């Protein structure tokens, strides 16, 4: 058996409403048991990310963002570099990821490719449970991650080849 080729990192905090989208998506993906894919949850602290993605072909980070104008529940694929252009990526950990990537490159621990699946948050206040629009976006976020993994031929066990 070979080791993982990719990692999916659900970044967030289940006790800050929509900030829990990353962990929610990670839990859903973990249940799929995708061969050669490690699924993890992280609070977004930069050094905590380094060990998770070191030496892998692909790291997919799932995180909540808040942009202006708001569109709660919108799922989009981006890169760390492009996310810096979101003027109000407030309340997310994407900036922690952005800090971690240059450090990882210097230390030789960066993944070959890093993709962010961003889900726009409605509420990042303390409390449990995703808002309606963000909860409804979980399947779309899972599908976005699966699409990224499929580019490497990584699919859930029992899933056939692409159509």
Foldseek 3Di string as FASTA:
>chain_A
DDAAQEEEEQEADQQQALQCLRVVLLVVVVVLVWPRYHYYYYPLQQVVVLVRQFPHQEYEYEGEFAAPPGDALDKDKDALVVVVVRPGRPPMSSVSNVVNQVVCVVVNGHHNYYMYTYGYADTRHGGHYYDPSNVVNSVVSNVVVQVVCVVVPIHGPPDDRDD
